[in-house]
């Protein structure tokens, strides 16, 4: 399996993401944001976390103008698999590849710690190796992780099985760190080939670092 990882100016998780997929046996390639095509042999393209363009406007708002994003839209429209992690999730919402928007955290502070997530829907390639209601321990690190969508959009997400993950405590009870609507931590598109989440599964690959729960999440893409 070959995984492309998009690198914007300010991205700081592309090599963590590369390490995570390489550890799962994948071939990886960093894709510079000025490239205007996605290589035809890519099985998955990841928009990695970080602070694209320093987040000087809205998070992801400048990155969406990069040439590679036009190519990514075409890639996704043709059924290609896409994963956006943290800032990458923000970029995907800005480009319209995922619904909703990411706002400033409710407490107006940057949050960096491990946090629990509950799997809401595993009828997709991303979370197919996880169980519904399974609680995962995954790091979060964001200032603008407050997911927002209006009531009509929220109803559509649930109707289409697009709500994938929610923030909880270790027992699976809602524990919302940033004010996200319905405590939502991750979603997908209607076609279930584009995925986005604020937490960092690529930082939860080894128990030495606090958790290896991210492995089951990323392994879902392999041989899908």
Protein backbone atom coordinates (compact mmCIF):
# COMPACT_ATOMS: atom_id res chain seq x y z
CA UNK A 1 0.00 0.00 0.00
CA UNK A 2 1.27 3.48 -0.88
CA UNK A 3 0.41 6.53 1.22
CA UNK A 4 0.96 10.13 0.13
CA UNK A 5 1.31 12.76 2.87
CA UNK A 6 0.71 16.39 1.98
CA UNK A 7 3.22 18.91 3.31
CA UNK A 8 2.25 22.57 3.59
CA UNK A 9 4.47 25.36 4.95
CA UNK A 10 4.00 25.04 8.72
CA UNK A 11 2.98 21.37 8.71
CA UNK A 12 4.68 19.64 11.65
CA UNK A 13 3.20 16.14 11.72
CA UNK A 14 4.05 14.87 8.25
CA UNK A 15 7.03 12.85 9.46
CA UNK A 16 5.10 11.45 12.44
CA UNK A 17 2.46 10.35 9.95
CA UNK A 18 5.09 8.90 7.63
CA UNK A 19 6.63 6.97 10.54
CA UNK A 20 3.22 5.62 11.60
CA UNK A 21 2.31 4.24 8.17
CA UNK A 22 5.82 2.94 7.54
CA UNK A 23 5.55 1.03 10.83
CA UNK A 24 2.43 -0.61 9.41
CA UNK A 25 4.38 -1.73 6.35
CA UNK A 26 3.23 0.96 3.93
CA UNK A 27 5.31 2.74 1.33
CA UNK A 28 5.10 6.49 1.91
CA UNK A 29 5.78 9.66 -0.05
CA UNK A 30 5.74 13.31 1.05
CA UNK A 31 3.73 15.44 -1.40
CA UNK A 32 4.74 19.11 -1.53
CA UNK A 33 1.74 21.46 -1.60
CA UNK A 34 2.79 23.10 -4.90
CA UNK A 35 2.47 19.84 -6.81
CA UNK A 36 -0.60 19.92 -9.05
CA UNK A 37 -1.20 16.19 -9.39
CA UNK A 38 -1.66 13.21 -7.09
CA UNK A 39 0.49 10.26 -8.22
CA UNK A 40 -1.72 7.61 -9.79
CA UNK A 41 -0.35 4.84 -7.56
CA UNK A 42 -1.50 6.41 -4.27
CA UNK A 43 -3.88 4.25 -2.23
CA UNK A 44 -4.40 6.92 0.43
CA UNK A 45 -3.60 10.62 0.71
CA UNK A 46 -3.22 12.17 4.16
CA UNK A 47 -3.45 15.87 4.98
CA UNK A 48 -1.22 15.90 8.06
CA UNK A 49 -1.46 17.99 11.19
CA UNK A 50 0.41 21.18 12.02
CA UNK A 51 -0.11 24.88 11.44
CA UNK A 52 -0.36 25.33 7.68
CA UNK A 53 0.76 28.85 6.76
CA UNK A 54 0.99 29.58 10.48
CA UNK A 55 -2.83 29.59 10.78
CA UNK A 56 -2.59 33.33 10.20
CA UNK A 57 -6.11 33.53 8.79
CA UNK A 58 -8.49 30.70 9.67
CA UNK A 59 -6.92 27.32 10.18
CA UNK A 60 -6.66 25.73 6.75
CA UNK A 61 -8.08 28.73 4.88
CA UNK A 62 -4.84 29.54 3.06
CA UNK A 63 -3.84 25.90 2.56
CA UNK A 64 -7.02 25.28 0.59
CA UNK A 65 -5.60 27.56 -2.14
CA UNK A 66 -2.54 25.37 -2.68
CA UNK A 67 -2.33 23.68 -6.11
CA UNK A 68 -2.38 20.19 -4.64
CA UNK A 69 -5.84 20.75 -3.18
CA UNK A 70 -7.40 20.99 -6.64
CA UNK A 71 -5.78 17.67 -7.45
CA UNK A 72 -6.97 16.22 -4.13
CA UNK A 73 -10.57 17.18 -4.93
CA UNK A 74 -10.37 15.32 -8.23
CA UNK A 75 -8.70 12.37 -6.50
CA UNK A 76 -11.49 12.21 -3.89
CA UNK A 77 -14.27 12.68 -6.44
CA UNK A 78 -12.88 9.66 -8.28
CA UNK A 79 -13.13 7.55 -5.13
CA UNK A 80 -9.61 8.02 -3.77
CA UNK A 81 -9.24 7.63 -0.02
CA UNK A 82 -8.35 10.78 1.95
CA UNK A 83 -7.59 11.28 5.64
CA UNK A 84 -7.27 14.68 7.32
CA UNK A 85 -5.71 14.79 10.78
CA UNK A 86 -6.07 17.90 13.00
CA UNK A 87 -5.00 20.80 10.74
CA UNK A 88 -5.59 18.44 7.83
CA UNK A 89 -9.22 18.06 9.00
CA UNK A 90 -9.49 21.86 9.05
CA UNK A 91 -8.12 22.02 5.50
CA UNK A 92 -10.65 19.44 4.29
CA UNK A 93 -13.58 21.40 5.72
CA UNK A 94 -12.25 24.63 4.19
CA UNK A 95 -12.07 22.98 0.76
CA UNK A 96 -15.56 21.51 1.08
CA UNK A 97 -14.36 17.90 1.01
CA UNK A 98 -15.97 17.53 4.45
CA UNK A 99 -18.98 19.41 5.89
CA UNK A 100 -18.86 21.78 8.84
CA UNK A 101 -16.13 24.04 10.16
CA UNK A 102 -13.57 24.15 12.94
CA UNK A 103 -13.71 27.12 15.32
CA UNK A 104 -11.57 28.35 18.21
CA UNK A 105 -11.75 26.08 21.25
CA UNK A 106 -14.54 27.04 23.62
CA UNK A 107 -12.03 27.80 26.39
CA UNK A 108 -9.83 29.82 23.99
CA UNK A 109 -6.77 27.82 25.01
CA UNK A 110 -4.53 25.43 23.12
CA UNK A 111 -5.15 21.88 24.35
CA UNK A 112 -2.44 19.22 24.27
CA UNK A 113 -3.00 15.92 26.08
CA UNK A 114 -4.29 12.39 25.66
CA UNK A 115 -8.08 12.24 25.46
CA UNK A 116 -10.54 9.39 25.09
CA UNK A 117 -12.72 8.88 22.04
CA UNK A 118 -15.71 6.60 21.52
CA UNK A 119 -16.29 4.89 18.18
CA UNK A 120 -19.78 5.81 16.94
CA UNK A 121 -19.73 4.17 13.51
CA UNK A 122 -17.38 1.53 12.14
CA UNK A 123 -19.18 0.97 8.84
CA UNK A 124 -16.24 2.48 6.98
CA UNK A 125 -12.68 1.54 6.02
CA UNK A 126 -11.10 3.88 8.58
CA UNK A 127 -12.61 2.34 11.72
CA UNK A 128 -13.51 -1.12 10.45
CA UNK A 129 -11.03 -2.75 12.86
CA UNK A 130 -12.61 -0.98 15.84
CA UNK A 131 -15.87 -1.84 17.59
CA UNK A 132 -18.86 0.47 17.97
CA UNK A 133 -18.72 2.02 21.48
CA UNK A 134 -15.06 1.06 21.81
CA UNK A 135 -13.13 3.72 23.76
CA UNK A 136 -9.73 4.74 22.40
CA UNK A 137 -7.00 6.82 24.03
CA UNK A 138 -5.63 9.26 21.44
CA UNK A 139 -3.65 12.52 21.83
CA UNK A 140 -5.22 15.86 20.94
CA UNK A 141 -3.26 19.05 20.23
CA UNK A 142 -5.27 21.96 18.85
CA UNK A 143 -6.39 25.54 19.34
CA UNK A 144 -9.18 25.47 16.75
CA UNK A 145 -10.77 22.08 17.26
CA UNK A 146 -14.33 23.17 18.02
CA UNK A 147 -16.32 21.37 15.30
CA UNK A 148 -19.41 23.27 14.19
CA UNK A 149 -22.26 22.38 11.87
CA UNK A 150 -25.84 23.69 11.82
CA UNK A 151 -28.78 21.58 12.98
CA UNK A 152 -29.79 20.49 9.48
CA UNK A 153 -26.24 19.48 8.67
CA UNK A 154 -25.95 17.60 11.97
CA UNK A 155 -29.09 15.61 11.22
CA UNK A 156 -27.67 14.70 7.81
CA UNK A 157 -24.42 13.50 9.39
CA UNK A 158 -26.30 11.12 11.65
CA UNK A 159 -28.71 9.99 8.94
CA UNK A 160 -25.82 9.06 6.66
CA UNK A 161 -23.61 7.44 9.30
CA UNK A 162 -21.01 10.18 8.96
CA UNK A 163 -20.38 10.80 12.67
CA UNK A 164 -17.46 8.50 13.48
CA UNK A 165 -15.94 9.57 16.80
CA UNK A 166 -16.93 11.50 19.91
CA UNK A 167 -14.89 12.89 22.79
CA UNK A 168 -15.55 10.95 26.02
CA UNK A 169 -13.96 9.93 29.28
CA UNK A 170 -12.37 6.50 29.75
CA UNK A 171 -15.79 4.97 30.49
CA UNK A 172 -17.36 6.34 27.30
CA UNK A 173 -19.29 9.17 28.91
CA UNK A 174 -19.29 12.47 27.03
CA UNK A 175 -16.32 14.65 27.96
CA UNK A 176 -16.09 17.55 25.51
CA UNK A 177 -12.70 19.35 25.65
CA UNK A 178 -13.32 22.07 23.06
CA UNK A 179 -17.05 22.75 22.64
CA UNK A 180 -17.57 20.69 19.48
CA UNK A 181 -21.20 20.18 18.47
CA UNK A 182 -22.42 16.93 20.04
CA UNK A 183 -18.84 16.31 21.21
CA UNK A 184 -17.92 15.23 17.65
CA UNK A 185 -14.24 14.42 17.13
CA UNK A 186 -14.30 12.86 13.66
CA UNK A 187 -16.54 12.57 10.60
CA UNK A 188 -16.51 11.33 7.00
CA UNK A 189 -18.18 12.35 3.75
CA UNK A 190 -21.34 10.71 2.41
CA UNK A 191 -19.35 8.41 0.13
CA UNK A 192 -17.18 7.32 3.08
CA UNK A 193 -13.88 7.78 1.30
CA UNK A 194 -12.89 11.11 2.91
CA UNK A 195 -12.25 11.15 6.67
CA UNK A 196 -11.30 13.85 9.14
CA UNK A 197 -10.59 13.97 12.86
CA UNK A 198 -8.95 16.41 15.25
CA UNK A 199 -7.12 13.82 17.43
CA UNK A 200 -3.77 12.38 16.31
CA UNK A 201 -3.82 8.58 15.77
CA UNK A 202 -0.30 8.78 14.30
CA UNK A 203 0.91 9.77 17.79
CA UNK A 204 -0.70 6.70 19.38
CA UNK A 205 1.27 3.91 17.74
CA UNK A 206 3.46 2.76 20.64
CA UNK A 207 2.60 2.02 24.26
CA UNK A 208 5.88 3.67 25.23
CA UNK A 209 4.33 6.98 24.17
CA UNK A 210 1.15 6.43 26.17
CA UNK A 211 -1.09 4.46 23.80
CA UNK A 212 -1.06 2.29 20.69
CA UNK A 213 -4.79 2.69 20.01
CA UNK A 214 -4.01 4.63 16.83
CA UNK A 215 -2.76 1.45 15.14
CA UNK A 216 -6.22 -0.08 14.86
CA UNK A 217 -7.51 3.14 13.31
CA UNK A 218 -4.84 3.49 10.63
CA UNK A 219 -4.73 -0.24 9.90
CA UNK A 220 -8.28 0.05 8.56
CA UNK A 221 -6.92 1.63 5.38
CA UNK A 222 -4.54 -1.23 4.68
CA UNK A 223 -5.74 -3.67 2.03
CA UNK A 224 -9.14 -1.94 2.04
